[in-house]
Amino acid sequence: MATSRSSSESGWIGGAFVFSGRPDPTWSISRDVADELVAIWETLVPCDGAVPTPPALGYRGCTVRDAAGRTWTAFHELVTLSTDSGSETRRDGDRRFERTVLASAPAGTLPTSFVA
């Protein structure tokens, strides 16, 4: 887990769904990365289609939770924001949101064989 003061104070937590049968890795997200993720989210186009079901094994997406309890889940070209009042899915054709979350993981957090 990241130990920088700014990371722990942001209240944002990232994670990747990569394991079966053991806890998935999580890490603190810095304020700068959190701001970047919100900016990316705001540029994404709403998507009304069905969200595909990730495979049972292997990489199944990533997640970010903010201090207010909002949770974003990204898998391939879709990002879903879940709040107490519902959810919204947006298309991310370049997977910028997903790649930014995964790139924020401290070295050694994700498996070396990991491929998003």
PDB file of N, CA and C in Angstrom:
ATOM      1  N   MET A   1       0.849  -1.172   0.000  1.00  0.00           N
ATOM      2  CA  MET A   1       0.000   0.000   0.000  1.00  0.00           C
ATOM      3  C   MET A   1       0.892   1.232   0.000  1.00  0.00           C
ATOM      4  N   ALA A   2       0.442   2.239  -0.711  1.00  0.00           N
ATOM      5  CA  ALA A   2       1.213   3.485  -0.768  1.00  0.00           C
ATOM      6  C   ALA A   2       1.296   4.103   0.618  1.00  0.00           C
ATOM      7  N   THR A   3       2.414   4.768   0.870  1.00  0.00           N
ATOM      8  CA  THR A   3       2.593   5.342   2.200  1.00  0.00           C
ATOM      9  C   THR A   3       2.701   6.855   2.181  1.00  0.00           C
ATOM     10  N   SER A   4       2.571   7.470   1.020  1.00  0.00           N
ATOM     11  CA  SER A   4       2.706   8.920   0.966  1.00  0.00           C
ATOM     12  C   SER A   4       1.581   9.586   1.735  1.00  0.00           C
ATOM     13  N   ARG A   5       1.900  10.666   2.382  1.00  0.00           N
ATOM     14  CA  ARG A   5       0.928  11.381   3.206  1.00  0.00           C
ATOM     15  C   ARG A   5      -0.247  11.871   2.370  1.00  0.00           C
ATOM     16  N   SER A   6       0.031  12.410   1.179  1.00  0.00           N
ATOM     17  CA  SER A   6      -1.053  12.913   0.333  1.00  0.00           C
ATOM     18  C   SER A   6      -1.978  11.791  -0.115  1.00  0.00           C
ATOM     19  N   SER A   7      -1.435  10.594  -0.336  1.00  0.00           N
ATOM     20  CA  SER A   7      -2.258   9.459  -0.739  1.00  0.00           C
ATOM     21  C   SER A   7      -3.222   9.063   0.371  1.00  0.00           C
ATOM     22  N   SER A   8      -2.711   8.915   1.576  1.00  0.00           N
ATOM     23  CA  SER A   8      -3.557   8.446   2.660  1.00  0.00           C
ATOM     24  C   SER A   8      -4.579   9.498   3.059  1.00  0.00           C
ATOM     25  N   GLU A   9      -4.280  10.763   2.843  1.00  0.00           N
ATOM     26  CA  GLU A   9      -5.212  11.813   3.219  1.00  0.00           C
ATOM     27  C   GLU A   9      -6.309  12.048   2.186  1.00  0.00           C
ATOM     28  N   SER A  10      -6.160  11.525   0.974  1.00  0.00           N
ATOM     29  CA  SER A  10      -7.165  11.775  -0.063  1.00  0.00           C
ATOM     30  C   SER A  10      -8.450  11.003   0.214  1.00  0.00           C
ATOM     31  N   GLY A  11      -8.355   9.861   0.876  1.00  0.00           N
ATOM     32  CA  GLY A  11      -9.531   9.048   1.141  1.00  0.00           C
ATOM     33  C   GLY A  11      -9.951   8.199  -0.046  1.00  0.00           C
ATOM     34  N   TRP A  12      -9.177   8.201  -1.114  1.00  0.00           N
ATOM     35  CA  TRP A  12      -9.478   7.410  -2.298  1.00  0.00           C
ATOM     36  C   TRP A  12      -8.697   6.102  -2.257  1.00  0.00           C
ATOM     37  N   ILE A  13      -9.369   5.000  -2.610  1.00  0.00           N
ATOM     38  CA  ILE A  13      -8.750   3.677  -2.621  1.00  0.00           C
ATOM     39  C   ILE A  13      -8.958   3.047  -3.995  1.00  0.00           C
ATOM     40  N   GLY A  14      -7.874   2.554  -4.578  1.00  0.00           N
ATOM     41  CA  GLY A  14      -7.952   1.842  -5.846  1.00  0.00           C
ATOM     42  C   GLY A  14      -7.785   0.364  -5.610  1.00  0.00           C
ATOM     43  N   GLY A  15      -8.202  -0.422  -6.580  1.00  0.00           N
ATOM     44  CA  GLY A  15      -8.045  -1.871  -6.479  1.00  0.00           C
ATOM     45  C   GLY A  15      -8.171  -2.517  -7.841  1.00  0.00           C
ATOM     46  N   ALA A  16      -7.714  -3.735  -7.929  1.00  0.00           N
ATOM     47  CA  ALA A  16      -7.826  -4.508  -9.165  1.00  0.00           C
ATOM     48  C   ALA A  16      -8.392  -5.876  -8.830  1.00  0.00           C
ATOM     49  N   PHE A  17      -9.302  -6.338  -9.676  1.00  0.00           N
ATOM     50  CA  PHE A  17      -9.896  -7.662  -9.504  1.00  0.00           C
ATOM     51  C   PHE A  17      -9.045  -8.642 -10.315  1.00  0.00           C
ATOM     52  N   VAL A  18      -8.090  -9.296  -9.647  1.00  0.00           N
ATOM     53  CA  VAL A  18      -7.158 -10.168 -10.351  1.00  0.00           C
ATOM     54  C   VAL A  18      -7.019 -11.563  -9.745  1.00  0.00           C
ATOM     55  N   PHE A  19      -7.493 -11.760  -8.537  1.00  0.00           N
ATOM     56  CA  PHE A  19      -7.292 -13.044  -7.879  1.00  0.00           C
ATOM     57  C   PHE A  19      -8.607 -13.782  -7.684  1.00  0.00           C
ATOM     58  N   SER A  20      -8.493 -15.084  -7.570  1.00  0.00           N
ATOM     59  CA  SER A  20      -9.630 -15.926  -7.238  1.00  0.00           C
ATOM     60  C   SER A  20      -9.248 -16.698  -5.988  1.00  0.00           C
ATOM     61  N   GLY A  21     -10.005 -16.548  -4.929  1.00  0.00           N
ATOM     62  CA  GLY A  21      -9.732 -17.296  -3.717  1.00  0.00           C
ATOM     63  C   GLY A  21      -8.828 -16.600  -2.713  1.00  0.00           C
ATOM     64  N   ARG A  22      -8.366 -15.393  -3.024  1.00  0.00           N
ATOM     65  CA  ARG A  22      -7.597 -14.618  -2.057  1.00  0.00           C
ATOM     66  C   ARG A  22      -7.906 -13.144  -2.276  1.00  0.00           C
ATOM     67  N   PRO A  23      -7.614 -12.292  -1.306  1.00  0.00           N
ATOM     68  CA  PRO A  23      -7.985 -10.877  -1.436  1.00  0.00           C
ATOM     69  C   PRO A  23      -7.301 -10.193  -2.635  1.00  0.00           C
ATOM     70  N   ASP A  24      -8.066  -9.388  -3.324  1.00  0.00           N
ATOM     71  CA  ASP A  24      -7.517  -8.594  -4.423  1.00  0.00           C
ATOM     72  C   ASP A  24      -6.716  -7.427  -3.857  1.00  0.00           C
ATOM     73  N   PRO A  25      -5.703  -6.959  -4.589  1.00  0.00           N
ATOM     74  CA  PRO A  25      -4.887  -5.850  -4.093  1.00  0.00           C
ATOM     75  C   PRO A  25      -5.647  -4.522  -4.087  1.00  0.00           C
ATOM     76  N   THR A  26      -5.355  -3.706  -3.086  1.00  0.00           N
ATOM     77  CA  THR A  26      -5.890  -2.343  -3.006  1.00  0.00           C
ATOM     78  C   THR A  26      -4.751  -1.412  -2.632  1.00  0.00           C
ATOM     79  N   TRP A  27      -4.933  -0.126  -2.914  1.00  0.00           N
ATOM     80  CA  TRP A  27      -3.907   0.867  -2.611  1.00  0.00           C
ATOM     81  C   TRP A  27      -4.546   2.239  -2.504  1.00  0.00           C
ATOM     82  N   SER A  28      -3.857   3.149  -1.857  1.00  0.00           N
ATOM     83  CA  SER A  28      -4.320   4.533  -1.751  1.00  0.00           C
ATOM     84  C   SER A  28      -4.082   5.251  -3.072  1.00  0.00           C
ATOM     85  N   ILE A  29      -5.023   6.113  -3.412  1.00  0.00           N
ATOM     86  CA  ILE A  29      -4.934   6.939  -4.626  1.00  0.00           C
ATOM     87  C   ILE A  29      -4.610   8.363  -4.184  1.00  0.00           C
ATOM     88  N   SER A  30      -3.607   8.956  -4.804  1.00  0.00           N
ATOM     89  CA  SER A  30      -3.236  10.332  -4.450  1.00  0.00           C
ATOM     90  C   SER A  30      -4.312  11.320  -4.904  1.00  0.00           C
ATOM     91  N   ARG A  31      -4.305  12.492  -4.326  1.00  0.00           N
ATOM     92  CA  ARG A  31      -5.247  13.551  -4.697  1.00  0.00           C
ATOM     93  C   ARG A  31      -5.085  13.899  -6.183  1.00  0.00           C
ATOM     94  N   ASP A  32      -3.848  13.957  -6.681  1.00  0.00           N
ATOM     95  CA  ASP A  32      -3.617  14.282  -8.097  1.00  0.00           C
ATOM     96  C   ASP A  32      -4.254  13.254  -9.021  1.00  0.00           C
ATOM     97  N   VAL A  33      -4.076  11.974  -8.702  1.00  0.00           N
ATOM     98  CA  VAL A  33      -4.670  10.918  -9.530  1.00  0.00           C
ATOM     99  C   VAL A  33      -6.185  10.949  -9.403  1.00  0.00           C
ATOM    100  N   ALA A  34      -6.693  11.188  -8.196  1.00  0.00           N
ATOM    101  CA  ALA A  34      -8.143  11.280  -8.000  1.00  0.00           C
ATOM    102  C   ALA A  34      -8.728  12.399  -8.863  1.00  0.00           C
ATOM    103  N   ASP A  35      -8.067  13.551  -8.880  1.00  0.00           N
ATOM    104  CA  ASP A  35      -8.532  14.666  -9.707  1.00  0.00           C
ATOM    105  C   ASP A  35      -8.505  14.294 -11.188  1.00  0.00           C
ATOM    106  N   GLU A  36      -7.460  13.579 -11.603  1.00  0.00           N
ATOM    107  CA  GLU A  36      -7.353  13.140 -12.996  1.00  0.00           C
ATOM    108  C   GLU A  36      -8.478  12.169 -13.351  1.00  0.00           C
ATOM    109  N   LEU A  37      -8.790  11.254 -12.448  1.00  0.00           N
ATOM    110  CA  LEU A  37      -9.867  10.293 -12.701  1.00  0.00           C
ATOM    111  C   LEU A  37     -11.221  10.989 -12.831  1.00  0.00           C
ATOM    112  N   VAL A  38     -11.492  11.957 -11.971  1.00  0.00           N
ATOM    113  CA  VAL A  38     -12.753  12.714 -12.069  1.00  0.00           C
ATOM    114  C   VAL A  38     -12.807  13.460 -13.394  1.00  0.00           C
ATOM    115  N   ALA A  39     -11.690  14.065 -13.809  1.00  0.00           N
ATOM    116  CA  ALA A  39     -11.649  14.785 -15.089  1.00  0.00           C
ATOM    117  C   ALA A  39     -11.904  13.834 -16.258  1.00  0.00           C
ATOM    118  N   ILE A  40     -11.318  12.639 -16.209  1.00  0.00           N
ATOM    119  CA  ILE A  40     -11.566  11.648 -17.265  1.00  0.00           C
ATOM    120  C   ILE A  40     -13.038  11.266 -17.263  1.00  0.00           C
ATOM    121  N   TRP A  41     -13.596  10.944 -16.095  1.00  0.00           N
ATOM    122  CA  TRP A  41     -15.004  10.550 -15.979  1.00  0.00           C
ATOM    123  C   TRP A  41     -15.907  11.597 -16.627  1.00  0.00           C
ATOM    124  N   GLU A  42     -15.629  12.851 -16.362  1.00  0.00           N
ATOM    125  CA  GLU A  42     -16.489  13.925 -16.868  1.00  0.00           C
ATOM    126  C   GLU A  42     -16.448  14.043 -18.391  1.00  0.00           C
ATOM    127  N   THR A  43     -15.420  13.500 -19.051  1.00  0.00           N
ATOM    128  CA  THR A  43     -15.337  13.548 -20.512  1.00  0.00           C
ATOM    129  C   THR A  43     -15.985  12.345 -21.186  1.00  0.00           C
ATOM    130  N   LEU A  44     -16.299  11.307 -20.419  1.00  0.00           N
ATOM    131  CA  LEU A  44     -16.825  10.081 -21.010  1.00  0.00           C
ATOM    132  C   LEU A  44     -18.289  10.230 -21.402  1.00  0.00           C
ATOM    133  N   VAL A  45     -18.660   9.516 -22.462  1.00  0.00           N
ATOM    134  CA  VAL A  45     -20.012   9.576 -23.020  1.00  0.00           C
ATOM    135  C   VAL A  45     -20.884   8.496 -22.368  1.00  0.00           C
ATOM    136  N   PRO A  46     -22.118   8.856 -21.945  1.00  0.00           N
ATOM    137  CA  PRO A  46     -23.013   7.853 -21.351  1.00  0.00           C
ATOM    138  C   PRO A  46     -23.245   6.670 -22.290  1.00  0.00           C
ATOM    139  N   CYS A  47     -23.417   5.509 -21.686  1.00  0.00           N
ATOM    140  CA  CYS A  47     -23.632   4.272 -22.436  1.00  0.00           C
ATOM    141  C   CYS A  47     -24.856   3.578 -21.855  1.00  0.00           C
ATOM    142  N   ASP A  48     -25.832   3.284 -22.709  1.00  0.00           N
ATOM    143  CA  ASP A  48     -27.053   2.636 -22.245  1.00  0.00           C
ATOM    144  C   ASP A  48     -27.033   1.127 -22.428  1.00  0.00           C
ATOM    145  N   GLY A  49     -26.021   0.601 -23.112  1.00  0.00           N
ATOM    146  CA  GLY A  49     -25.951  -0.834 -23.377  1.00  0.00           C
ATOM    147  C   GLY A  49     -25.675  -1.647 -22.124  1.00  0.00           C
ATOM    148  N   ALA A  50     -25.794  -2.952 -22.273  1.00  0.00           N
ATOM    149  CA  ALA A  50     -25.531  -3.858 -21.163  1.00  0.00           C
ATOM    150  C   ALA A  50     -24.042  -3.878 -20.842  1.00  0.00           C
ATOM    151  N   VAL A  51     -23.732  -3.972 -19.570  1.00  0.00           N
ATOM    152  CA  VAL A  51     -22.347  -4.065 -19.116  1.00  0.00           C
ATOM    153  C   VAL A  51     -21.947  -5.538 -19.200  1.00  0.00           C
ATOM    154  N   PRO A  52     -20.855  -5.850 -19.924  1.00  0.00           N
ATOM    155  CA  PRO A  52     -20.460  -7.256 -20.062  1.00  0.00           C
ATOM    156  C   PRO A  52     -20.023  -7.849 -18.733  1.00  0.00           C
ATOM    157  N   THR A  53     -20.231  -9.127 -18.597  1.00  0.00           N
ATOM    158  CA  THR A  53     -19.808  -9.838 -17.405  1.00  0.00           C
ATOM    159  C   THR A  53     -18.347 -10.237 -17.560  1.00  0.00           C
ATOM    160  N   PRO A  54     -17.501  -9.834 -16.627  1.00  0.00           N
ATOM    161  CA  PRO A  54     -16.080 -10.222 -16.697  1.00  0.00           C
ATOM    162  C   PRO A  54     -15.929 -11.733 -16.556  1.00  0.00           C
ATOM    163  N   PRO A  55     -14.810 -12.280 -17.010  1.00  0.00           N
ATOM    164  CA  PRO A  55     -14.587 -13.728 -16.872  1.00  0.00           C
ATOM    165  C   PRO A  55     -14.488 -14.120 -15.399  1.00  0.00           C
ATOM    166  N   ALA A  56     -14.690 -15.402 -15.130  1.00  0.00           N
ATOM    167  CA  ALA A  56     -14.633 -15.889 -13.755  1.00  0.00           C
ATOM    168  C   ALA A  56     -13.209 -15.882 -13.202  1.00  0.00           C
ATOM    169  N   LEU A  57     -12.226 -16.057 -14.065  1.00  0.00           N
ATOM    170  CA  LEU A  57     -10.831 -16.096 -13.641  1.00  0.00           C
ATOM    171  C   LEU A  57     -10.020 -15.062 -14.393  1.00  0.00           C
ATOM    172  N   GLY A  58      -8.898 -14.660 -13.805  1.00  0.00           N
ATOM    173  CA  GLY A  58      -8.034 -13.684 -14.447  1.00  0.00           C
ATOM    174  C   GLY A  58      -8.480 -12.259 -14.146  1.00  0.00           C
ATOM    175  N   TYR A  59      -8.002 -11.330 -14.944  1.00  0.00           N
ATOM    176  CA  TYR A  59      -8.320  -9.917 -14.745  1.00  0.00           C
ATOM    177  C   TYR A  59      -9.803  -9.653 -14.991  1.00  0.00           C
ATOM    178  N   ARG A  60     -10.442  -8.987 -14.026  1.00  0.00           N
ATOM    179  CA  ARG A  60     -11.876  -8.716 -14.105  1.00  0.00           C
ATOM    180  C   ARG A  60     -12.196  -7.245 -13.921  1.00  0.00           C
ATOM    181  N   GLY A  61     -11.197  -6.377 -14.090  1.00  0.00           N
ATOM    182  CA  GLY A  61     -11.432  -4.947 -13.988  1.00  0.00           C
ATOM    183  C   GLY A  61     -10.758  -4.333 -12.784  1.00  0.00           C
ATOM    184  N   CYS A  62     -11.041  -3.046 -12.596  1.00  0.00           N
ATOM    185  CA  CYS A  62     -10.472  -2.330 -11.456  1.00  0.00           C
ATOM    186  C   CYS A  62     -11.553  -1.457 -10.832  1.00  0.00           C
ATOM    187  N   THR A  63     -11.238  -0.930  -9.671  1.00  0.00           N
ATOM    188  CA  THR A  63     -12.220  -0.142  -8.928  1.00  0.00           C
ATOM    189  C   THR A  63     -11.541   1.022  -8.220  1.00  0.00           C
ATOM    190  N   VAL A  64     -12.325   2.050  -7.982  1.00  0.00           N
ATOM    191  CA  VAL A  64     -11.884   3.203  -7.193  1.00  0.00           C
ATOM    192  C   VAL A  64     -13.048   3.616  -6.308  1.00  0.00           C
ATOM    193  N   ARG A  65     -12.736   3.868  -5.034  1.00  0.00           N
ATOM    194  CA  ARG A  65     -13.759   4.352  -4.100  1.00  0.00           C
ATOM    195  C   ARG A  65     -13.265   5.661  -3.516  1.00  0.00           C
ATOM    196  N   ASP A  66     -14.151   6.669  -3.485  1.00  0.00           N
ATOM    197  CA  ASP A  66     -13.741   7.948  -2.900  1.00  0.00           C
ATOM    198  C   ASP A  66     -14.217   8.049  -1.456  1.00  0.00           C
ATOM    199  N   ALA A  67     -13.836   9.117  -0.789  1.00  0.00           N
ATOM    200  CA  ALA A  67     -14.164   9.304   0.625  1.00  0.00           C
ATOM    201  C   ALA A  67     -15.664   9.445   0.863  1.00  0.00           C
ATOM    202  N   ALA A  68     -16.411   9.839  -0.175  1.00  0.00           N
ATOM    203  CA  ALA A  68     -17.860  10.004  -0.043  1.00  0.00           C
ATOM    204  C   ALA A  68     -18.621   8.703  -0.273  1.00  0.00           C
ATOM    205  N   GLY A  69     -17.892   7.618  -0.634  1.00  0.00           N
ATOM    206  CA  GLY A  69     -18.548   6.334  -0.847  1.00  0.00           C
ATOM    207  C   GLY A  69     -18.934   6.047  -2.287  1.00  0.00           C
ATOM    208  N   ARG A  70     -18.621   6.965  -3.192  1.00  0.00           N
ATOM    209  CA  ARG A  70     -18.875   6.686  -4.615  1.00  0.00           C
ATOM    210  C   ARG A  70     -17.863   5.649  -5.086  1.00  0.00           C
ATOM    211  N   THR A  71     -18.306   4.721  -5.935  1.00  0.00           N
ATOM    212  CA  THR A  71     -17.428   3.676  -6.437  1.00  0.00           C
ATOM    213  C   THR A  71     -17.508   3.614  -7.953  1.00  0.00           C
ATOM    214  N   TRP A  72     -16.340   3.686  -8.591  1.00  0.00           N
ATOM    215  CA  TRP A  72     -16.239   3.512 -10.033  1.00  0.00           C
ATOM    216  C   TRP A  72     -15.659   2.130 -10.281  1.00  0.00           C
ATOM    217  N   THR A  73     -16.214   1.397 -11.245  1.00  0.00           N
ATOM    218  CA  THR A  73     -15.685   0.106 -11.655  1.00  0.00           C
ATOM    219  C   THR A  73     -15.436   0.172 -13.155  1.00  0.00           C
ATOM    220  N   ALA A  74     -14.224  -0.161 -13.573  1.00  0.00           N
ATOM    221  CA  ALA A  74     -13.861  -0.102 -14.986  1.00  0.00           C
ATOM    222  C   ALA A  74     -13.460  -1.490 -15.464  1.00  0.00           C
ATOM    223  N   PHE A  75     -13.978  -1.859 -16.625  1.00  0.00           N
ATOM    224  CA  PHE A  75     -13.595  -3.121 -17.256  1.00  0.00           C
ATOM    225  C   PHE A  75     -13.652  -2.915 -18.752  1.00  0.00           C
ATOM    226  N   HIS A  76     -12.514  -3.005 -19.361  1.00  0.00           N
ATOM    227  CA  HIS A  76     -12.314  -2.780 -20.781  1.00  0.00           C
ATOM    228  C   HIS A  76     -12.846  -1.402 -21.167  1.00  0.00           C
ATOM    229  N   GLU A  77     -13.846  -1.262 -21.968  1.00  0.00           N
ATOM    230  CA  GLU A  77     -14.213   0.072 -22.460  1.00  0.00           C
ATOM    231  C   GLU A  77     -15.361   0.728 -21.713  1.00  0.00           C
ATOM    232  N   LEU A  78     -15.741   0.191 -20.558  1.00  0.00           N
ATOM    233  CA  LEU A  78     -16.854   0.772 -19.804  1.00  0.00           C
ATOM    234  C   LEU A  78     -16.437   1.107 -18.378  1.00  0.00           C
ATOM    235  N   VAL A  79     -16.976   2.221 -17.875  1.00  0.00           N
ATOM    236  CA  VAL A  79     -16.764   2.638 -16.489  1.00  0.00           C
ATOM    237  C   VAL A  79     -18.139   2.887 -15.881  1.00  0.00           C
ATOM    238  N   THR A  80     -18.396   2.277 -14.737  1.00  0.00           N
ATOM    239  CA  THR A  80     -19.679   2.443 -14.057  1.00  0.00           C
ATOM    240  C   THR A  80     -19.447   3.133 -12.717  1.00  0.00           C
ATOM    241  N   LEU A  81     -20.191   4.200 -12.488  1.00  0.00           N
ATOM    242  CA  LEU A  81     -20.181   4.912 -11.213  1.00  0.00           C
ATOM    243  C   LEU A  81     -21.401   4.468 -10.423  1.00  0.00           C
ATOM    244  N   SER A  82     -21.181   3.975  -9.205  1.00  0.00           N
ATOM    245  CA  SER A  82     -22.270   3.551  -8.330  1.00  0.00           C
ATOM    246  C   SER A  82     -22.311   4.459  -7.112  1.00  0.00           C
ATOM    247  N   THR A  83     -23.514   4.943  -6.801  1.00  0.00           N
ATOM    248  CA  THR A  83     -23.738   5.779  -5.627  1.00  0.00           C
ATOM    249  C   THR A  83     -24.957   5.251  -4.897  1.00  0.00           C
ATOM    250  N   ASP A  84     -25.281   5.854  -3.778  1.00  0.00           N
ATOM    251  CA  ASP A  84     -26.479   5.456  -3.033  1.00  0.00           C
ATOM    252  C   ASP A  84     -27.750   5.652  -3.850  1.00  0.00           C
ATOM    253  N   SER A  85     -27.709   6.575  -4.814  1.00  0.00           N
ATOM    254  CA  SER A  85     -28.908   6.876  -5.594  1.00  0.00           C
ATOM    255  C   SER A  85     -28.983   6.128  -6.918  1.00  0.00           C
ATOM    256  N   GLY A  86     -28.024   5.249  -7.210  1.00  0.00           N
ATOM    257  CA  GLY A  86     -28.084   4.476  -8.445  1.00  0.00           C
ATOM    258  C   GLY A  86     -26.725   4.350  -9.102  1.00  0.00           C
ATOM    259  N   SER A  87     -26.754   4.052 -10.405  1.00  0.00           N
ATOM    260  CA  SER A  87     -25.498   3.894 -11.123  1.00  0.00           C
ATOM    261  C   SER A  87     -25.615   4.471 -12.524  1.00  0.00           C
ATOM    262  N   GLU A  88     -24.457   4.756 -13.103  1.00  0.00           N
ATOM    263  CA  GLU A  88     -24.378   5.289 -14.460  1.00  0.00           C
ATOM    264  C   GLU A  88     -23.146   4.686 -15.120  1.00  0.00           C
ATOM    265  N   THR A  89     -23.314   4.258 -16.364  1.00  0.00           N
ATOM    266  CA  THR A  89     -22.203   3.677 -17.112  1.00  0.00           C
ATOM    267  C   THR A  89     -21.844   4.577 -18.274  1.00  0.00           C
ATOM    268  N   ARG A  90     -20.539   4.749 -18.486  1.00  0.00           N
ATOM    269  CA  ARG A  90     -20.042   5.565 -19.591  1.00  0.00           C
ATOM    270  C   ARG A  90     -18.996   4.787 -20.371  1.00  0.00           C
ATOM    271  N   ARG A  91     -18.900   5.105 -21.662  1.00  0.00           N
ATOM    272  CA  ARG A  91     -17.946   4.437 -22.549  1.00  0.00           C
ATOM    273  C   ARG A  91     -16.586   5.128 -22.494  1.00  0.00           C
ATOM    274  N   ASP A  92     -15.540   4.312 -22.401  1.00  0.00           N
ATOM    275  CA  ASP A  92     -14.157   4.792 -22.358  1.00  0.00           C
ATOM    276  C   ASP A  92     -13.364   3.989 -23.379  1.00  0.00           C
ATOM    277  N   GLY A  93     -13.546   4.341 -24.662  1.00  0.00           N
ATOM    278  CA  GLY A  93     -12.944   3.595 -25.759  1.00  0.00           C
ATOM    279  C   GLY A  93     -11.439   3.452 -25.662  1.00  0.00           C
ATOM    280  N   ASP A  94     -10.767   4.439 -25.102  1.00  0.00           N
ATOM    281  CA  ASP A  94      -9.304   4.377 -24.958  1.00  0.00           C
ATOM    282  C   ASP A  94      -8.876   3.761 -23.631  1.00  0.00           C
ATOM    283  N   ARG A  95      -9.834   3.426 -22.785  1.00  0.00           N
ATOM    284  CA  ARG A  95      -9.587   2.833 -21.466  1.00  0.00           C
ATOM    285  C   ARG A  95      -8.697   3.733 -20.600  1.00  0.00           C
ATOM    286  N   ARG A  96      -8.836   5.037 -20.770  1.00  0.00           N
ATOM    287  CA  ARG A  96      -8.010   5.984 -20.003  1.00  0.00           C
ATOM    288  C   ARG A  96      -8.253   5.865 -18.506  1.00  0.00           C
ATOM    289  N   PHE A  97      -9.516   5.755 -18.108  1.00  0.00           N
ATOM    290  CA  PHE A  97      -9.850   5.654 -16.685  1.00  0.00           C
ATOM    291  C   PHE A  97      -9.202   4.406 -16.097  1.00  0.00           C
ATOM    292  N   GLU A  98      -9.445   3.280 -16.713  1.00  0.00           N
ATOM    293  CA  GLU A  98      -8.927   1.993 -16.249  1.00  0.00           C
ATOM    294  C   GLU A  98      -7.397   1.994 -16.183  1.00  0.00           C
ATOM    295  N   ARG A  99      -6.771   2.478 -17.229  1.00  0.00           N
ATOM    296  CA  ARG A  99      -5.307   2.499 -17.279  1.00  0.00           C
ATOM    297  C   ARG A  99      -4.720   3.446 -16.219  1.00  0.00           C
ATOM    298  N   THR A 100      -5.406   4.546 -15.948  1.00  0.00           N
ATOM    299  CA  THR A 100      -4.929   5.493 -14.924  1.00  0.00           C
ATOM    300  C   THR A 100      -5.015   4.863 -13.537  1.00  0.00           C
ATOM    301  N   VAL A 101      -6.110   4.161 -13.263  1.00  0.00           N
ATOM    302  CA  VAL A 101      -6.229   3.472 -11.971  1.00  0.00           C
ATOM    303  C   VAL A 101      -5.102   2.462 -11.822  1.00  0.00           C
ATOM    304  N   LEU A 102      -4.923   1.616 -12.821  1.00  0.00           N
ATOM    305  CA  LEU A 102      -3.918   0.557 -12.737  1.00  0.00           C
ATOM    306  C   LEU A 102      -2.505   1.123 -12.647  1.00  0.00           C
ATOM    307  N   ALA A 103      -2.243   2.206 -13.354  1.00  0.00           N
ATOM    308  CA  ALA A 103      -0.912   2.822 -13.316  1.00  0.00           C
ATOM    309  C   ALA A 103      -0.614   3.438 -11.954  1.00  0.00           C
ATOM    310  N   SER A 104      -1.647   3.711 -11.159  1.00  0.00           N
ATOM    311  CA  SER A 104      -1.438   4.317  -9.836  1.00  0.00           C
ATOM    312  C   SER A 104      -1.032   3.293  -8.778  1.00  0.00           C
ATOM    313  N   ALA A 105      -1.088   2.009  -9.110  1.00  0.00           N
ATOM    314  CA  ALA A 105      -0.713   0.975  -8.141  1.00  0.00           C
ATOM    315  C   ALA A 105       0.781   1.043  -7.864  1.00  0.00           C
ATOM    316  N   PRO A 106       1.164   1.021  -6.605  1.00  0.00           N
ATOM    317  CA  PRO A 106       2.596   1.015  -6.280  1.00  0.00           C
ATOM    318  C   PRO A 106       3.282  -0.225  -6.856  1.00  0.00           C
ATOM    319  N   ALA A 107       4.551  -0.111  -7.158  1.00  0.00           N
ATOM    320  CA  ALA A 107       5.332  -1.236  -7.687  1.00  0.00           C
ATOM    321  C   ALA A 107       5.167  -2.451  -6.769  1.00  0.00           C
ATOM    322  N   GLY A 108       4.945  -3.603  -7.365  1.00  0.00           N
ATOM    323  CA  GLY A 108       4.817  -4.836  -6.611  1.00  0.00           C
ATOM    324  C   GLY A 108       3.414  -5.133  -6.125  1.00  0.00           C
ATOM    325  N   THR A 109       2.478  -4.219  -6.327  1.00  0.00           N
ATOM    326  CA  THR A 109       1.103  -4.426  -5.862  1.00  0.00           C
ATOM    327  C   THR A 109       0.342  -5.403  -6.757  1.00  0.00           C
ATOM    328  N   LEU A 110       0.529  -5.251  -8.063  1.00  0.00           N
ATOM    329  CA  LEU A 110      -0.147  -6.128  -9.019  1.00  0.00           C
ATOM    330  C   LEU A 110       0.773  -7.285  -9.397  1.00  0.00           C
ATOM    331  N   PRO A 111       0.209  -8.437  -9.734  1.00  0.00           N
ATOM    332  CA  PRO A 111       1.044  -9.577 -10.119  1.00  0.00           C
ATOM    333  C   PRO A 111       1.934  -9.231 -11.323  1.00  0.00           C
ATOM    334  N   THR A 112       3.124  -9.802 -11.352  1.00  0.00           N
ATOM    335  CA  THR A 112       4.053  -9.511 -12.459  1.00  0.00           C
ATOM    336  C   THR A 112       3.521 -10.021 -13.789  1.00  0.00           C
ATOM    337  N   SER A 113       2.674 -11.033 -13.769  1.00  0.00           N
ATOM    338  CA  SER A 113       2.106 -11.571 -15.008  1.00  0.00           C
ATOM    339  C   SER A 113       0.846 -10.832 -15.434  1.00  0.00           C
ATOM    340  N   PHE A 114       0.484  -9.800 -14.690  1.00  0.00           N
ATOM    341  CA  PHE A 114      -0.749  -9.056 -14.923  1.00  0.00           C
ATOM    342  C   PHE A 114      -0.733  -8.347 -16.276  1.00  0.00           C
ATOM    343  N   VAL A 115      -1.818  -8.534 -17.023  1.00  0.00           N
ATOM    344  CA  VAL A 115      -2.000  -7.825 -18.292  1.00  0.00           C
ATOM    345  C   VAL A 115      -3.427  -7.325 -18.316  1.00  0.00           C
ATOM    346  N   ALA A 116      -3.591  -6.003 -18.363  1.00  0.00           N
ATOM    347  CA  ALA A 116      -4.943  -5.413 -18.387  1.00  0.00           C
ATOM    348  C   ALA A 116      -5.453  -5.349 -19.799  1.00  0.00           C
TER     349      ALA A 116
END
